[in-house]
Amino acid sequence: MSQPIALSRTHKVPGRFVVNGEVHEIVFASHKTLLEVLREDLGLRGTKHGCELGECGACAVLVESVPVLSCLALAQAHQDQEITTIEGMAEGPALHPLQASFVEVGAAQCGYCTPGVLLTAQALLEEDSAPTREDIKEALAGNLCRCTGYIKIYEAIELAAARMRGEHAAPSKESLYGSQ
């Protein structure tokens, strides 16, 4: 009778990942999370290490257009699925409307949480082109920001949603200059 093979932490497996529309075939340590493969093996550093407990959302990426906390996801489980990171959000040199509205409104401060927030917001807007403020709050409930009071983030998402619907929308003066 054969003995089971004990896998060490250095056991490598082949993998095929579709990230931002590009196929990557790599060999990686079998224990790695999707976050680790994206950052360490593929060099996509926009996805952030945060709490590594699934509580902050800094590591959120889209897998088949659904937000996934990549720090909790085993990389092997997401082979051959369409993965979108912040690096794949813009189309060429043109920013995604969400990215442009975040810049315009000043919705990012330190920026650490921004990639996860943007991708989570993108998933929301793909599902609902006209979310309410409550819908936005609910969608972003797993994304923590230590710098802002979230208001500019919500306003930037609302602005992007309006523009994506084809409306001629501009940020409010309060968004740009704050209340005086």
N, C-alpha and C. Protein backbone atom coordinates (compact mmCIF):
# COMPACT_ATOMS: atom_id res chain seq x y z
N MET A 1 0.84 -1.16 0.00
CA MET A 1 0.00 0.00 0.00
C MET A 1 0.90 1.24 0.00
N SER A 2 0.56 2.22 -0.83
CA SER A 2 1.41 3.41 -0.93
C SER A 2 1.09 4.40 0.18
N GLN A 3 2.09 5.13 0.54
CA GLN A 3 1.95 6.15 1.58
C GLN A 3 1.50 7.47 0.94
N PRO A 4 0.66 8.23 1.63
CA PRO A 4 0.29 9.54 1.09
C PRO A 4 1.51 10.44 1.00
N ILE A 5 1.52 11.29 0.00
CA ILE A 5 2.63 12.22 -0.18
C ILE A 5 2.32 13.49 0.59
N ALA A 6 3.21 13.87 1.46
CA ALA A 6 3.05 15.12 2.21
C ALA A 6 3.58 16.26 1.35
N LEU A 7 2.75 17.26 1.14
CA LEU A 7 3.17 18.40 0.34
C LEU A 7 3.82 19.43 1.25
N SER A 8 4.97 19.89 0.84
CA SER A 8 5.64 20.93 1.63
C SER A 8 5.12 22.29 1.18
N ARG A 9 5.49 23.31 1.91
CA ARG A 9 5.07 24.68 1.56
C ARG A 9 5.73 25.14 0.27
N THR A 10 6.66 24.36 -0.25
CA THR A 10 7.31 24.75 -1.49
C THR A 10 6.80 23.95 -2.68
N HIS A 11 5.75 23.16 -2.49
CA HIS A 11 5.17 22.39 -3.59
C HIS A 11 4.65 23.35 -4.65
N LYS A 12 5.10 23.16 -5.88
CA LYS A 12 4.72 24.05 -6.98
C LYS A 12 3.72 23.35 -7.90
N VAL A 13 2.80 24.15 -8.43
CA VAL A 13 1.80 23.64 -9.36
C VAL A 13 1.74 24.57 -10.57
N PRO A 14 1.41 24.02 -11.73
CA PRO A 14 1.24 24.89 -12.89
C PRO A 14 -0.13 25.57 -12.81
N GLY A 15 -0.21 26.77 -13.34
CA GLY A 15 -1.48 27.48 -13.32
C GLY A 15 -1.67 28.33 -14.55
N ARG A 16 -2.92 28.52 -14.89
CA ARG A 16 -3.29 29.36 -16.03
C ARG A 16 -4.31 30.37 -15.52
N PHE A 17 -3.93 31.64 -15.59
CA PHE A 17 -4.78 32.71 -15.10
C PHE A 17 -5.09 33.68 -16.23
N VAL A 18 -6.32 34.13 -16.28
CA VAL A 18 -6.73 35.14 -17.25
C VAL A 18 -6.95 36.42 -16.45
N VAL A 19 -5.97 37.31 -16.55
CA VAL A 19 -5.99 38.53 -15.74
C VAL A 19 -5.98 39.74 -16.67
N ASN A 20 -6.98 40.58 -16.52
CA ASN A 20 -7.11 41.79 -17.32
C ASN A 20 -7.06 41.48 -18.82
N GLY A 21 -7.68 40.35 -19.18
CA GLY A 21 -7.77 39.96 -20.58
C GLY A 21 -6.55 39.26 -21.14
N GLU A 22 -5.52 39.07 -20.33
CA GLU A 22 -4.29 38.39 -20.78
C GLU A 22 -4.15 37.05 -20.08
N VAL A 23 -3.72 36.06 -20.84
CA VAL A 23 -3.50 34.73 -20.28
C VAL A 23 -2.07 34.66 -19.73
N HIS A 24 -1.96 34.16 -18.51
CA HIS A 24 -0.65 33.98 -17.86
C HIS A 24 -0.54 32.52 -17.44
N GLU A 25 0.46 31.85 -17.94
CA GLU A 25 0.74 30.48 -17.51
C GLU A 25 1.98 30.53 -16.64
N ILE A 26 1.81 30.12 -15.38
CA ILE A 26 2.89 30.20 -14.42
C ILE A 26 2.96 28.93 -13.59
N VAL A 27 4.04 28.80 -12.86
CA VAL A 27 4.19 27.76 -11.85
C VAL A 27 4.30 28.51 -10.53
N PHE A 28 3.48 28.13 -9.56
CA PHE A 28 3.43 28.86 -8.31
C PHE A 28 3.27 27.90 -7.15
N ALA A 29 3.56 28.37 -5.96
CA ALA A 29 3.42 27.56 -4.76
C ALA A 29 1.94 27.26 -4.53
N SER A 30 1.63 26.02 -4.30
CA SER A 30 0.24 25.57 -4.21
C SER A 30 -0.57 26.22 -3.09
N HIS A 31 0.10 26.73 -2.08
CA HIS A 31 -0.59 27.32 -0.94
C HIS A 31 -0.91 28.81 -1.13
N LYS A 32 -0.48 29.39 -2.21
CA LYS A 32 -0.61 30.84 -2.38
C LYS A 32 -2.05 31.28 -2.59
N THR A 33 -2.32 32.46 -2.03
CA THR A 33 -3.62 33.09 -2.25
C THR A 33 -3.61 33.78 -3.61
N LEU A 34 -4.78 34.13 -4.07
CA LEU A 34 -4.88 34.88 -5.32
C LEU A 34 -4.13 36.20 -5.19
N LEU A 35 -4.22 36.85 -4.04
CA LEU A 35 -3.50 38.09 -3.80
C LEU A 35 -2.00 37.90 -4.00
N GLU A 36 -1.45 36.84 -3.45
CA GLU A 36 -0.01 36.59 -3.56
C GLU A 36 0.40 36.31 -5.00
N VAL A 37 -0.40 35.53 -5.71
CA VAL A 37 -0.07 35.24 -7.12
C VAL A 37 -0.11 36.52 -7.94
N LEU A 38 -1.15 37.34 -7.73
CA LEU A 38 -1.25 38.58 -8.49
C LEU A 38 -0.06 39.49 -8.24
N ARG A 39 0.28 39.69 -6.98
CA ARG A 39 1.35 40.63 -6.63
C ARG A 39 2.75 40.05 -6.86
N GLU A 40 2.97 38.83 -6.38
CA GLU A 40 4.32 38.28 -6.38
C GLU A 40 4.70 37.60 -7.69
N ASP A 41 3.77 36.84 -8.25
CA ASP A 41 4.09 36.07 -9.45
C ASP A 41 3.79 36.83 -10.74
N LEU A 42 2.76 37.66 -10.73
CA LEU A 42 2.40 38.39 -11.94
C LEU A 42 2.82 39.86 -11.90
N GLY A 43 3.30 40.33 -10.75
CA GLY A 43 3.80 41.70 -10.64
C GLY A 43 2.73 42.77 -10.70
N LEU A 44 1.49 42.41 -10.41
CA LEU A 44 0.39 43.37 -10.41
C LEU A 44 0.21 43.88 -8.99
N ARG A 45 0.86 44.96 -8.67
CA ARG A 45 0.93 45.46 -7.30
C ARG A 45 -0.19 46.42 -6.92
N GLY A 46 -1.12 46.68 -7.83
CA GLY A 46 -2.25 47.56 -7.51
C GLY A 46 -3.18 46.96 -6.47
N THR A 47 -3.29 45.64 -6.47
CA THR A 47 -4.09 44.95 -5.46
C THR A 47 -3.30 44.98 -4.16
N LYS A 48 -3.90 45.45 -3.10
CA LYS A 48 -3.15 45.72 -1.87
C LYS A 48 -3.31 44.64 -0.81
N HIS A 49 -2.20 44.40 -0.09
CA HIS A 49 -2.24 43.63 1.15
C HIS A 49 -2.83 44.56 2.20
N GLY A 50 -3.87 44.15 2.84
CA GLY A 50 -4.45 44.97 3.90
C GLY A 50 -4.40 44.19 5.19
N CYS A 51 -5.55 43.76 5.63
CA CYS A 51 -5.65 43.03 6.90
C CYS A 51 -5.29 41.56 6.75
N GLU A 52 -5.40 41.03 5.55
CA GLU A 52 -5.21 39.61 5.25
C GLU A 52 -6.15 38.71 6.05
N LEU A 53 -7.28 39.30 6.48
CA LEU A 53 -8.30 38.55 7.20
C LEU A 53 -9.66 38.67 6.53
N GLY A 54 -9.71 39.36 5.39
CA GLY A 54 -10.98 39.55 4.69
C GLY A 54 -11.87 40.59 5.31
N GLU A 55 -11.30 41.51 6.08
CA GLU A 55 -12.11 42.50 6.78
C GLU A 55 -12.02 43.91 6.21
N CYS A 56 -11.01 44.21 5.35
CA CYS A 56 -10.82 45.60 4.93
C CYS A 56 -11.16 45.87 3.47
N GLY A 57 -11.12 44.87 2.61
CA GLY A 57 -11.47 45.05 1.20
C GLY A 57 -10.37 45.63 0.33
N ALA A 58 -9.19 45.92 0.88
CA ALA A 58 -8.11 46.50 0.08
C ALA A 58 -7.65 45.55 -1.02
N CYS A 59 -7.87 44.27 -0.84
CA CYS A 59 -7.41 43.26 -1.80
C CYS A 59 -8.48 42.85 -2.81
N ALA A 60 -9.62 43.54 -2.82
CA ALA A 60 -10.72 43.13 -3.69
C ALA A 60 -10.33 43.21 -5.16
N VAL A 61 -10.66 42.15 -5.88
CA VAL A 61 -10.53 42.08 -7.33
C VAL A 61 -11.86 41.54 -7.86
N LEU A 62 -12.04 41.60 -9.16
CA LEU A 62 -13.24 41.02 -9.75
C LEU A 62 -12.89 39.68 -10.35
N VAL A 63 -13.67 38.68 -10.02
CA VAL A 63 -13.55 37.35 -10.62
C VAL A 63 -14.89 37.09 -11.30
N GLU A 64 -14.83 37.00 -12.62
CA GLU A 64 -16.07 36.87 -13.39
C GLU A 64 -17.05 37.99 -13.03
N SER A 65 -16.53 39.21 -12.87
CA SER A 65 -17.28 40.43 -12.58
C SER A 65 -17.87 40.51 -11.17
N VAL A 66 -17.46 39.61 -10.29
CA VAL A 66 -17.94 39.60 -8.90
C VAL A 66 -16.77 39.94 -7.98
N PRO A 67 -16.96 40.88 -7.03
CA PRO A 67 -15.88 41.20 -6.10
C PRO A 67 -15.49 39.99 -5.25
N VAL A 68 -14.19 39.76 -5.17
CA VAL A 68 -13.64 38.65 -4.38
C VAL A 68 -12.50 39.21 -3.55
N LEU A 69 -12.45 38.85 -2.29
CA LEU A 69 -11.34 39.24 -1.42
C LEU A 69 -10.19 38.29 -1.72
N SER A 70 -9.21 38.78 -2.46
CA SER A 70 -8.14 37.92 -2.95
C SER A 70 -7.23 37.41 -1.85
N CYS A 71 -7.25 38.02 -0.67
CA CYS A 71 -6.43 37.53 0.43
C CYS A 71 -6.99 36.24 1.02
N LEU A 72 -8.27 35.98 0.77
CA LEU A 72 -8.91 34.77 1.30
C LEU A 72 -9.09 33.69 0.25
N ALA A 73 -8.83 34.03 -1.01
CA ALA A 73 -9.10 33.11 -2.12
C ALA A 73 -7.84 32.34 -2.48
N LEU A 74 -7.92 31.04 -2.48
CA LEU A 74 -6.80 30.23 -2.91
C LEU A 74 -6.65 30.39 -4.42
N ALA A 75 -5.47 30.70 -4.87
CA ALA A 75 -5.24 30.97 -6.30
C ALA A 75 -5.69 29.81 -7.17
N GLN A 76 -5.42 28.58 -6.74
CA GLN A 76 -5.78 27.42 -7.55
C GLN A 76 -7.26 27.38 -7.89
N ALA A 77 -8.09 27.94 -7.04
CA ALA A 77 -9.54 27.90 -7.24
C ALA A 77 -10.00 28.87 -8.34
N HIS A 78 -9.12 29.75 -8.79
CA HIS A 78 -9.54 30.78 -9.75
C HIS A 78 -8.81 30.70 -11.08
N GLN A 79 -8.26 29.53 -11.38
CA GLN A 79 -7.62 29.35 -12.66
C GLN A 79 -8.68 29.38 -13.77
N ASP A 80 -8.29 29.95 -14.91
CA ASP A 80 -9.14 30.03 -16.11
C ASP A 80 -10.40 30.86 -15.91
N GLN A 81 -10.48 31.63 -14.84
CA GLN A 81 -11.59 32.56 -14.65
C GLN A 81 -11.10 33.96 -15.01
N GLU A 82 -12.00 34.81 -15.49
CA GLU A 82 -11.63 36.18 -15.84
C GLU A 82 -11.46 36.98 -14.55
N ILE A 83 -10.23 37.44 -14.33
CA ILE A 83 -9.89 38.22 -13.14
C ILE A 83 -9.56 39.64 -13.59
N THR A 84 -10.15 40.61 -12.93
CA THR A 84 -9.85 42.01 -13.22
C THR A 84 -9.24 42.64 -11.99
N THR A 85 -8.08 43.24 -12.17
CA THR A 85 -7.42 44.00 -11.11
C THR A 85 -7.52 45.47 -11.48
N ILE A 86 -7.08 46.33 -10.60
CA ILE A 86 -7.13 47.76 -10.86
C ILE A 86 -6.34 48.12 -12.12
N GLU A 87 -5.29 47.37 -12.41
CA GLU A 87 -4.49 47.64 -13.60
C GLU A 87 -5.29 47.44 -14.89
N GLY A 88 -6.35 46.63 -14.82
CA GLY A 88 -7.16 46.36 -16.00
C GLY A 88 -8.44 47.17 -16.07
N MET A 89 -8.62 48.09 -15.15
CA MET A 89 -9.87 48.85 -15.11
C MET A 89 -9.95 49.89 -16.23
N ALA A 90 -8.89 50.62 -16.45
CA ALA A 90 -8.87 51.63 -17.52
C ALA A 90 -8.81 50.94 -18.87
N GLU A 91 -9.28 51.64 -19.88
CA GLU A 91 -9.18 51.12 -21.25
C GLU A 91 -8.10 51.89 -21.97
N GLY A 92 -6.90 51.27 -22.04
CA GLY A 92 -5.77 51.97 -22.62
C GLY A 92 -5.42 53.17 -21.77
N PRO A 93 -5.17 54.31 -22.42
CA PRO A 93 -4.81 55.51 -21.66
C PRO A 93 -6.01 56.22 -21.03
N ALA A 94 -7.23 55.83 -21.43
CA ALA A 94 -8.44 56.48 -20.91
C ALA A 94 -8.84 55.86 -19.58
N LEU A 95 -9.00 56.70 -18.57
CA LEU A 95 -9.46 56.21 -17.28
C LEU A 95 -10.90 55.72 -17.38
N HIS A 96 -11.22 54.74 -16.58
CA HIS A 96 -12.60 54.30 -16.43
C HIS A 96 -13.36 55.49 -15.81
N PRO A 97 -14.64 55.67 -16.12
CA PRO A 97 -15.40 56.78 -15.52
C PRO A 97 -15.32 56.84 -13.99
N LEU A 98 -15.25 55.69 -13.34
CA LEU A 98 -15.10 55.70 -11.89
C LEU A 98 -13.76 56.30 -11.48
N GLN A 99 -12.70 55.90 -12.15
CA GLN A 99 -11.38 56.44 -11.83
C GLN A 99 -11.36 57.96 -12.05
N ALA A 100 -11.93 58.39 -13.17
CA ALA A 100 -11.95 59.83 -13.48
C ALA A 100 -12.75 60.61 -12.44
N SER A 101 -13.88 60.06 -12.02
CA SER A 101 -14.69 60.78 -11.03
C SER A 101 -14.00 60.80 -9.67
N PHE A 102 -13.27 59.76 -9.31
CA PHE A 102 -12.54 59.75 -8.04
C PHE A 102 -11.48 60.85 -8.04
N VAL A 103 -10.81 61.01 -9.18
CA VAL A 103 -9.80 62.06 -9.30
C VAL A 103 -10.47 63.43 -9.21
N GLU A 104 -11.53 63.61 -9.98
CA GLU A 104 -12.20 64.90 -10.07
C GLU A 104 -12.78 65.35 -8.74
N VAL A 105 -13.38 64.43 -7.99
CA VAL A 105 -14.02 64.76 -6.73
C VAL A 105 -13.03 64.75 -5.56
N GLY A 106 -11.88 64.12 -5.74
CA GLY A 106 -10.93 63.99 -4.64
C GLY A 106 -11.35 62.92 -3.66
N ALA A 107 -11.86 61.80 -4.19
CA ALA A 107 -12.39 60.74 -3.34
C ALA A 107 -11.32 59.86 -2.72
N ALA A 108 -10.08 59.98 -3.17
CA ALA A 108 -9.00 59.18 -2.60
C ALA A 108 -8.06 60.09 -1.83
N GLN A 109 -7.65 59.63 -0.67
CA GLN A 109 -6.65 60.40 0.06
C GLN A 109 -5.34 59.64 0.01
N CYS A 110 -5.10 58.71 0.91
CA CYS A 110 -3.83 57.97 0.81
C CYS A 110 -3.86 57.01 -0.37
N GLY A 111 -5.05 56.54 -0.74
CA GLY A 111 -5.21 55.69 -1.91
C GLY A 111 -5.08 54.21 -1.66
N TYR A 112 -4.77 53.80 -0.45
CA TYR A 112 -4.54 52.38 -0.20
C TYR A 112 -5.80 51.54 -0.44
N CYS A 113 -6.94 52.04 -0.04
CA CYS A 113 -8.18 51.29 -0.21
C CYS A 113 -8.78 51.45 -1.60
N THR A 114 -8.32 52.44 -2.34
CA THR A 114 -8.96 52.84 -3.59
C THR A 114 -9.09 51.73 -4.62
N PRO A 115 -8.08 50.90 -4.87
CA PRO A 115 -8.28 49.84 -5.87
C PRO A 115 -9.45 48.92 -5.54
N GLY A 116 -9.55 48.49 -4.30
CA GLY A 116 -10.66 47.62 -3.90
C GLY A 116 -12.00 48.32 -3.98
N VAL A 117 -12.04 49.59 -3.59
CA VAL A 117 -13.28 50.37 -3.65
C VAL A 117 -13.71 50.54 -5.10
N LEU A 118 -12.77 50.90 -5.97
CA LEU A 118 -13.10 51.12 -7.38
C LEU A 118 -13.64 49.84 -8.04
N LEU A 119 -13.00 48.73 -7.79
CA LEU A 119 -13.46 47.49 -8.42
C LEU A 119 -14.80 47.03 -7.86
N THR A 120 -15.01 47.23 -6.57
CA THR A 120 -16.30 46.89 -5.98
C THR A 120 -17.39 47.79 -6.56
N ALA A 121 -17.07 49.07 -6.72
CA ALA A 121 -18.03 50.01 -7.32
C ALA A 121 -18.31 49.65 -8.78
N GLN A 122 -17.29 49.22 -9.49
CA GLN A 122 -17.48 48.81 -10.89
C GLN A 122 -18.47 47.65 -10.96
N ALA A 123 -18.32 46.67 -10.09
CA ALA A 123 -19.24 45.53 -10.07
C ALA A 123 -20.66 46.00 -9.78
N LEU A 124 -20.80 46.93 -8.85
CA LEU A 124 -22.11 47.48 -8.52
C LEU A 124 -22.74 48.14 -9.74
N LEU A 125 -21.98 49.00 -10.42
CA LEU A 125 -22.53 49.74 -11.56
C LEU A 125 -22.81 48.84 -12.76
N GLU A 126 -22.11 47.74 -12.86
CA GLU A 126 -22.42 46.77 -13.93
C GLU A 126 -23.75 46.08 -13.64
N GLU A 127 -24.08 45.94 -12.38
CA GLU A 127 -25.33 45.29 -11.97
C GLU A 127 -26.49 46.28 -11.89
N ASP A 128 -26.20 47.51 -11.46
CA ASP A 128 -27.24 48.52 -11.26
C ASP A 128 -26.70 49.86 -11.74
N SER A 129 -27.21 50.36 -12.86
CA SER A 129 -26.68 51.60 -13.44
C SER A 129 -27.12 52.85 -12.67
N ALA A 130 -28.09 52.71 -11.80
CA ALA A 130 -28.58 53.87 -11.04
C ALA A 130 -28.77 53.51 -9.57
N PRO A 131 -27.67 53.16 -8.88
CA PRO A 131 -27.82 52.77 -7.48
C PRO A 131 -28.15 53.98 -6.60
N THR A 132 -28.89 53.73 -5.54
CA THR A 132 -29.15 54.76 -4.55
C THR A 132 -27.92 54.88 -3.65
N ARG A 133 -27.90 55.91 -2.85
CA ARG A 133 -26.81 56.07 -1.89
C ARG A 133 -26.76 54.87 -0.96
N GLU A 134 -27.91 54.36 -0.55
CA GLU A 134 -27.96 53.18 0.32
C GLU A 134 -27.40 51.95 -0.39
N ASP A 135 -27.70 51.80 -1.69
CA ASP A 135 -27.14 50.68 -2.47
C ASP A 135 -25.62 50.76 -2.49
N ILE A 136 -25.10 51.96 -2.67
CA ILE A 136 -23.65 52.16 -2.71
C ILE A 136 -23.04 51.82 -1.35
N LYS A 137 -23.66 52.31 -0.29
CA LYS A 137 -23.16 52.01 1.06
C LYS A 137 -23.13 50.51 1.31
N GLU A 138 -24.19 49.83 0.91
CA GLU A 138 -24.27 48.39 1.11
C GLU A 138 -23.20 47.66 0.30
N ALA A 139 -23.01 48.06 -0.96
CA ALA A 139 -22.01 47.41 -1.80
C ALA A 139 -20.61 47.60 -1.25
N LEU A 140 -20.34 48.76 -0.66
CA LEU A 140 -19.01 49.08 -0.14
C LEU A 140 -18.83 48.72 1.33
N ALA A 141 -19.79 48.05 1.92
CA ALA A 141 -19.72 47.74 3.35
C ALA A 141 -18.48 46.96 3.73
N GLY A 142 -17.90 46.20 2.83
CA GLY A 142 -16.70 45.43 3.13
C GLY A 142 -15.41 46.14 2.78
N ASN A 143 -15.49 47.39 2.36
CA ASN A 143 -14.31 48.17 2.00
C ASN A 143 -14.10 49.28 3.02
N LEU A 144 -13.04 49.16 3.78
CA LEU A 144 -12.76 50.14 4.82
C LEU A 144 -11.78 51.20 4.33
N CYS A 145 -12.06 52.44 4.68
CA CYS A 145 -11.18 53.56 4.38
C CYS A 145 -10.89 54.27 5.68
N ARG A 146 -9.63 54.44 5.98
CA ARG A 146 -9.26 55.10 7.24
C ARG A 146 -9.07 56.60 7.08
N CYS A 147 -9.06 57.09 5.84
CA CYS A 147 -8.75 58.51 5.61
C CYS A 147 -9.97 59.39 5.39
N THR A 148 -10.99 58.86 4.73
CA THR A 148 -12.11 59.71 4.36
C THR A 148 -13.32 59.43 5.23
N GLY A 149 -14.31 60.24 5.07
CA GLY A 149 -15.59 60.02 5.74
C GLY A 149 -16.56 59.33 4.79
N TYR A 150 -16.08 58.81 3.69
CA TYR A 150 -16.83 58.08 2.67
C TYR A 150 -17.70 58.96 1.78
N ILE A 151 -18.05 60.16 2.19
CA ILE A 151 -18.98 60.99 1.42
C ILE A 151 -18.45 61.24 0.01
N LYS A 152 -17.19 61.63 -0.13
CA LYS A 152 -16.63 61.88 -1.46
C LYS A 152 -16.58 60.60 -2.29
N ILE A 153 -16.37 59.47 -1.65
CA ILE A 153 -16.38 58.19 -2.37
C ILE A 153 -17.78 57.95 -2.93
N TYR A 154 -18.80 58.11 -2.10
CA TYR A 154 -20.18 57.93 -2.56
C TYR A 154 -20.51 58.91 -3.68
N GLU A 155 -20.11 60.16 -3.52
CA GLU A 155 -20.39 61.17 -4.54
C GLU A 155 -19.69 60.85 -5.86
N ALA A 156 -18.46 60.36 -5.78
CA ALA A 156 -17.72 60.00 -7.00
C ALA A 156 -18.41 58.84 -7.72
N ILE A 157 -18.91 57.89 -6.97
CA ILE A 157 -19.61 56.75 -7.58
C ILE A 157 -20.91 57.22 -8.22
N GLU A 158 -21.63 58.09 -7.53
CA GLU A 158 -22.87 58.63 -8.10
C GLU A 158 -22.59 59.42 -9.38
N LEU A 159 -21.53 60.21 -9.37
CA LEU A 159 -21.15 60.98 -10.55
C LEU A 159 -20.79 60.06 -11.71
N ALA A 160 -19.99 59.05 -11.45
CA ALA A 160 -19.61 58.11 -12.50
C ALA A 160 -20.83 57.38 -13.04
N ALA A 161 -21.73 56.98 -12.16
CA ALA A 161 -22.94 56.27 -12.60
C ALA A 161 -23.76 57.16 -13.54
N ALA A 162 -23.92 58.42 -13.18
CA ALA A 162 -24.68 59.34 -14.04
C ALA A 162 -24.01 59.48 -15.39
N ARG A 163 -22.71 59.63 -15.41
CA ARG A 163 -21.98 59.77 -16.67
C ARG A 163 -22.05 58.49 -17.50
N MET A 164 -21.99 57.36 -16.83
CA MET A 164 -22.06 56.08 -17.55
C MET A 164 -23.45 55.86 -18.15
N ARG A 165 -24.46 56.49 -17.56
CA ARG A 165 -25.82 56.43 -18.11
C ARG A 165 -26.01 57.43 -19.25
N GLY A 166 -24.99 58.24 -19.52
CA GLY A 166 -25.06 59.22 -20.59
C GLY A 166 -25.53 60.59 -20.17
N GLU A 167 -25.66 60.80 -18.88
CA GLU A 167 -26.10 62.10 -18.39
C GLU A 167 -24.92 63.06 -18.37
N HIS A 168 -25.21 64.32 -18.58
CA HIS A 168 -24.19 65.37 -18.46
C HIS A 168 -24.15 65.76 -16.99
N ALA A 169 -23.22 65.17 -16.24
CA ALA A 169 -23.17 65.38 -14.80
C ALA A 169 -21.84 66.01 -14.41
N ALA A 170 -21.91 66.84 -13.40
CA ALA A 170 -20.71 67.48 -12.85
C ALA A 170 -20.74 67.32 -11.35
N PRO A 171 -19.57 67.34 -10.73
CA PRO A 171 -19.55 67.24 -9.26
C PRO A 171 -20.16 68.49 -8.65
N SER A 172 -20.76 68.30 -7.50
CA SER A 172 -21.33 69.45 -6.79
C SER A 172 -20.20 70.33 -6.26
N LYS A 173 -20.52 71.58 -6.02
CA LYS A 173 -19.51 72.49 -5.47
C LYS A 173 -19.05 72.00 -4.10
N GLU A 174 -19.97 71.39 -3.34
CA GLU A 174 -19.60 70.84 -2.03
C GLU A 174 -18.58 69.72 -2.18
N SER A 175 -18.74 68.91 -3.23
CA SER A 175 -17.79 67.82 -3.47
C SER A 175 -16.41 68.36 -3.77
N LEU A 176 -16.37 69.42 -4.58
CA LEU A 176 -15.08 69.96 -5.00
C LEU A 176 -14.41 70.80 -3.93
N TYR A 177 -15.20 71.59 -3.22
CA TYR A 177 -14.61 72.58 -2.31
C TYR A 177 -14.96 72.34 -0.85
N GLY A 178 -15.84 71.39 -0.59
CA GLY A 178 -16.28 71.17 0.78
C GLY A 178 -17.28 72.21 1.18
N SER A 179 -18.01 71.96 2.23
CA SER A 179 -19.00 72.92 2.67
C SER A 179 -18.27 74.05 3.40
N GLN A 180 -18.75 75.26 3.17
CA GLN A 180 -18.06 76.42 3.76
C GLN A 180 -18.94 77.17 4.69
